[in-house]
Amino acid sequence: MNFHEVRFPARLSFGSVGGPQRRTDVVTISNGFEERNAPWQHSRRRYDAGVGMKSLDDVAELIAFFEARYGQLYGFRWKDWSDFRSCLPSQQIGAFDQRIGVGDGQQSAFQLTKTYRSGSHEYVRPIAKPVEGTVRVAVEQDELQEGVDYSVDFAKGIVSFSAPPDSGMLVWAGYEFDVPVRFDTDGIQTSVASFQAGEVPNVPIAEVRV
């Protein structure tokens, strides 16, 4: 897949708007009841980066980043300021934030995940782009040391242990993460006069599967 392991400037994404989007097919049958089907297992996030532009220098930086990605061709990392940690936004990352698996004595690689809960229901989201230097991992009660007990593939979000966790042992992780995205347009329309008048360019960003 065409992907650049580079993050869109975080200060420019800070003012962006966007969030998760799901696809639901709704069919109303003859008696008025509905049949609903969700063809996507995972939600897909969309953003508008244009509203984060505060100056013409910001626009110039945006255009440079856009050109270096060849428009829609290459994906990149995006910091979603409303959802970028394994814990609540007001909390500090801890090694026991998210349970990512249970050992069986043989499995040594675990995908980072984040679980969203509401009542008795939950959604488990795969995390493919953790931020280097932020990942903390624990097995049962013990936090482990990166580079000694485990390694992290920061391009795929996979934690690999030097020795497989024993059967029944809970595997935990905490981290910051980015969203893998691409530009959802092959063109950016800008106008100095319009920008100075308070209008901002429309720069759609779409999450990609990796």
Protein backbone atom coordinates (compact mmCIF):
# COMPACT_ATOMS: atom_id res chain seq x y z
CA MET A 1 0.00 0.00 0.00
CA ASN A 2 1.23 3.53 -0.78
CA PHE A 3 1.79 5.05 2.65
CA HIS A 4 4.24 7.59 4.04
CA GLU A 5 5.04 7.19 7.74
CA VAL A 6 4.82 10.93 8.32
CA ARG A 7 2.27 12.85 10.37
CA PHE A 8 0.24 15.77 9.06
CA PRO A 9 1.40 18.83 11.07
CA ALA A 10 -0.36 18.41 14.41
CA ARG A 11 -0.84 22.13 14.97
CA LEU A 12 -2.77 22.33 11.69
CA SER A 13 -4.99 19.35 12.50
CA PHE A 14 -5.79 20.80 15.94
CA GLY A 15 -8.60 22.99 14.62
CA SER A 16 -10.02 20.43 12.19
CA VAL A 17 -13.52 18.96 12.36
CA GLY A 18 -14.51 15.36 11.78
CA GLY A 19 -14.98 11.97 13.36
CA PRO A 20 -16.19 8.41 12.78
CA GLN A 21 -18.57 7.50 9.99
CA ARG A 22 -20.45 4.24 9.57
CA ARG A 23 -22.33 2.81 6.64
CA THR A 24 -25.78 1.42 7.34
CA ASP A 25 -28.13 0.14 4.64
CA VAL A 26 -31.73 0.82 5.70
CA VAL A 27 -34.68 -0.75 3.85
CA THR A 28 -38.27 0.07 4.83
CA ILE A 29 -40.50 -2.90 4.10
CA SER A 30 -44.23 -2.80 3.21
CA ASN A 31 -45.51 -2.98 6.81
CA GLY A 32 -43.44 0.04 7.85
CA PHE A 33 -40.77 -1.88 9.74
CA GLU A 34 -37.11 -1.44 8.83
CA GLU A 35 -34.36 -3.89 7.99
CA ARG A 36 -30.90 -2.54 8.75
CA ASN A 37 -27.56 -3.97 7.70
CA ALA A 38 -24.02 -2.73 8.42
CA PRO A 39 -21.64 -3.85 5.63
CA TRP A 40 -18.63 -2.28 7.38
CA GLN A 41 -17.20 -4.02 10.42
CA HIS A 42 -15.19 -0.92 11.33
CA SER A 43 -16.09 2.75 11.19
CA ARG A 44 -14.19 5.08 8.88
CA ARG A 45 -13.15 8.55 10.00
CA ARG A 46 -13.38 11.69 7.91
CA TYR A 47 -12.02 15.17 8.60
CA ASP A 48 -11.78 18.63 7.10
CA ALA A 49 -8.27 20.01 7.52
CA GLY A 50 -9.12 23.38 6.00
CA VAL A 51 -10.67 24.84 9.13
CA GLY A 52 -7.34 24.47 10.96
CA MET A 53 -5.65 27.04 8.73
CA LYS A 54 -4.94 30.28 10.64
CA SER A 55 -2.53 32.08 8.32
CA LEU A 56 -1.18 32.08 4.77
CA ASP A 57 1.93 30.36 6.12
CA ASP A 58 -0.32 27.53 7.30
CA VAL A 59 -1.81 27.29 3.81
CA ALA A 60 1.68 27.14 2.30
CA GLU A 61 2.61 24.32 4.69
CA LEU A 62 -0.58 22.48 3.77
CA ILE A 63 0.14 22.77 0.05
CA ALA A 64 3.71 21.53 0.53
CA PHE A 65 2.43 18.50 2.46
CA PHE A 66 -0.25 17.87 -0.18
CA GLU A 67 2.28 17.99 -3.02
CA ALA A 68 4.69 15.66 -1.20
CA ARG A 69 1.88 13.10 -0.89
CA TYR A 70 1.01 13.51 -4.60
CA GLY A 71 -2.58 14.32 -3.69
CA GLN A 72 -4.53 11.14 -2.95
CA LEU A 73 -1.71 8.78 -3.94
CA TYR A 74 0.10 8.39 -0.62
CA GLY A 75 -1.48 7.96 2.78
CA PHE A 76 -0.11 9.54 5.94
CA ARG A 77 -0.63 9.80 9.69
CA TRP A 78 -3.22 12.11 11.21
CA LYS A 79 -3.61 13.13 14.85
CA ASP A 80 -7.26 13.16 15.86
CA TRP A 81 -7.17 15.52 18.81
CA SER A 82 -10.51 14.22 20.11
CA ASP A 83 -9.35 10.58 20.19
CA PHE A 84 -5.61 9.86 20.20
CA ARG A 85 -4.96 8.00 23.45
CA SER A 86 -5.74 4.57 24.88
CA CYS A 87 -7.26 6.32 27.90
CA LEU A 88 -9.61 9.24 28.44
CA PRO A 89 -8.29 12.58 27.10
CA SER A 90 -7.88 13.96 30.63
CA GLN A 91 -5.86 10.98 31.86
CA GLN A 92 -2.25 9.89 31.48
CA ILE A 93 -1.38 6.80 29.47
CA GLY A 94 -0.91 3.67 31.56
CA ALA A 95 0.19 0.13 30.76
CA PHE A 96 -3.22 -1.23 31.83
CA ASP A 97 -5.42 1.04 29.69
CA GLN A 98 -6.56 -1.56 27.15
CA ARG A 99 -6.71 -5.34 27.22
CA ILE A 100 -5.39 -6.50 23.86
CA GLY A 101 -5.45 -10.26 24.34
CA VAL A 102 -5.08 -13.37 26.46
CA GLY A 103 -1.99 -15.57 26.34
CA ASP A 104 -2.16 -19.18 25.24
CA GLY A 105 1.49 -20.11 25.67
CA GLN A 106 2.10 -20.02 21.90
CA GLN A 107 0.94 -16.66 20.50
CA SER A 108 3.69 -14.06 20.69
CA ALA A 109 2.25 -11.25 18.50
CA PHE A 110 -0.78 -9.15 19.50
CA GLN A 111 -2.58 -6.40 17.61
CA LEU A 112 -3.07 -3.16 19.51
CA THR A 113 -6.76 -2.40 19.95
CA LYS A 114 -9.01 0.14 21.65
CA THR A 115 -12.38 -0.87 23.08
CA TYR A 116 -15.31 1.57 23.09
CA ARG A 117 -18.02 0.63 25.62
CA SER A 118 -21.55 1.87 26.15
CA GLY A 119 -23.76 -0.07 28.52
CA SER A 120 -23.52 -3.78 27.74
CA HIS A 121 -22.26 -3.21 24.19
CA GLU A 122 -18.77 -2.57 22.90
CA TYR A 123 -16.77 -2.03 19.74
CA VAL A 124 -13.13 -3.13 19.38
CA ARG A 125 -11.09 -0.91 17.07
CA PRO A 126 -7.75 -2.12 15.64
CA ILE A 127 -4.96 0.41 16.20
CA ALA A 128 -2.47 0.28 13.31
CA LYS A 129 -0.44 3.45 13.84
CA PRO A 130 0.81 3.80 17.43
CA VAL A 131 3.12 6.72 18.16
CA GLU A 132 6.72 5.78 18.77
CA GLY A 133 7.89 6.28 22.33
CA THR A 134 4.39 6.13 23.86
CA VAL A 135 3.59 2.39 23.97
CA ARG A 136 3.50 0.70 27.37
CA VAL A 137 2.77 -3.02 27.73
CA ALA A 138 1.96 -5.28 30.68
CA VAL A 139 1.18 -8.95 31.23
CA GLU A 140 -1.05 -9.70 34.20
CA GLN A 141 0.26 -7.45 37.00
CA ASP A 142 3.70 -6.68 35.58
CA GLU A 143 4.66 -3.87 33.20
CA LEU A 144 7.33 -5.00 30.73
CA GLN A 145 10.30 -3.24 29.14
CA GLU A 146 10.30 -2.40 25.45
CA GLY A 147 13.35 -3.72 23.61
CA VAL A 148 13.87 -6.42 26.23
CA ASP A 149 10.53 -8.16 26.76
CA TYR A 150 8.76 -7.01 23.61
CA SER A 151 9.05 -4.95 20.43
CA VAL A 152 6.49 -2.83 18.58
CA ASP A 153 5.86 -2.58 14.85
CA PHE A 154 4.84 1.08 14.64
CA ALA A 155 3.72 0.72 11.01
CA LYS A 156 1.21 -2.05 11.81
CA GLY A 157 0.45 -1.71 15.52
CA ILE A 158 1.65 -5.19 16.45
CA VAL A 159 3.32 -6.00 19.77
CA SER A 160 5.70 -8.99 19.59
CA PHE A 161 6.92 -10.65 22.79
CA SER A 162 10.33 -12.27 23.17
CA ALA A 163 8.54 -15.12 24.98
CA PRO A 164 4.83 -15.91 24.48
CA PRO A 165 2.65 -15.03 27.49
CA ASP A 166 1.55 -18.08 29.46
CA SER A 167 -1.91 -19.51 28.96
CA GLY A 168 -4.65 -17.43 30.56
CA MET A 169 -2.46 -14.40 31.26
CA LEU A 170 -4.03 -11.05 30.33
CA VAL A 171 -2.11 -8.80 27.96
CA TRP A 172 -2.50 -5.03 28.38
CA ALA A 173 -1.28 -1.93 26.58
CA GLY A 174 -1.40 1.85 26.68
CA TYR A 175 -0.36 4.20 23.87
CA GLU A 176 -0.92 7.27 21.76
CA PHE A 177 -1.96 6.62 18.18
CA ASP A 178 -2.51 8.26 14.82
CA VAL A 179 -5.18 7.57 12.20
CA PRO A 180 -4.00 6.32 8.77
CA VAL A 181 -5.54 8.69 6.22
CA ARG A 182 -5.21 10.19 2.74
CA PHE A 183 -6.37 13.35 1.07
CA ASP A 184 -9.85 12.81 -0.36
CA THR A 185 -9.28 15.23 -3.23
CA ASP A 186 -6.77 15.72 -6.01
CA GLY A 187 -7.00 19.49 -5.84
CA ILE A 188 -6.90 22.29 -3.28
CA GLN A 189 -8.49 25.60 -4.20
CA THR A 190 -7.01 28.62 -2.40
CA SER A 191 -7.50 32.37 -2.69
CA VAL A 192 -5.52 34.97 -0.78
CA ALA A 193 -8.40 37.46 -0.94
CA SER A 194 -10.94 34.89 0.26
CA PHE A 195 -8.66 33.67 3.04
CA GLN A 196 -8.12 37.19 4.32
CA ALA A 197 -11.89 37.66 4.27
CA GLY A 198 -12.29 34.70 6.64
CA GLU A 199 -12.95 31.89 4.15
CA VAL A 200 -10.90 28.72 4.46
CA PRO A 201 -10.15 26.05 1.82
CA ASN A 202 -12.02 22.76 1.86
CA VAL A 203 -9.49 19.97 2.48
CA PRO A 204 -11.27 16.61 2.96
CA ILE A 205 -9.33 13.82 4.68
CA ALA A 206 -10.45 10.16 4.68
CA GLU A 207 -9.28 7.22 6.79
CA VAL A 208 -7.75 4.30 4.89
CA ARG A 209 -7.58 0.61 5.75
CA VAL A 210 -4.06 -0.67 6.41
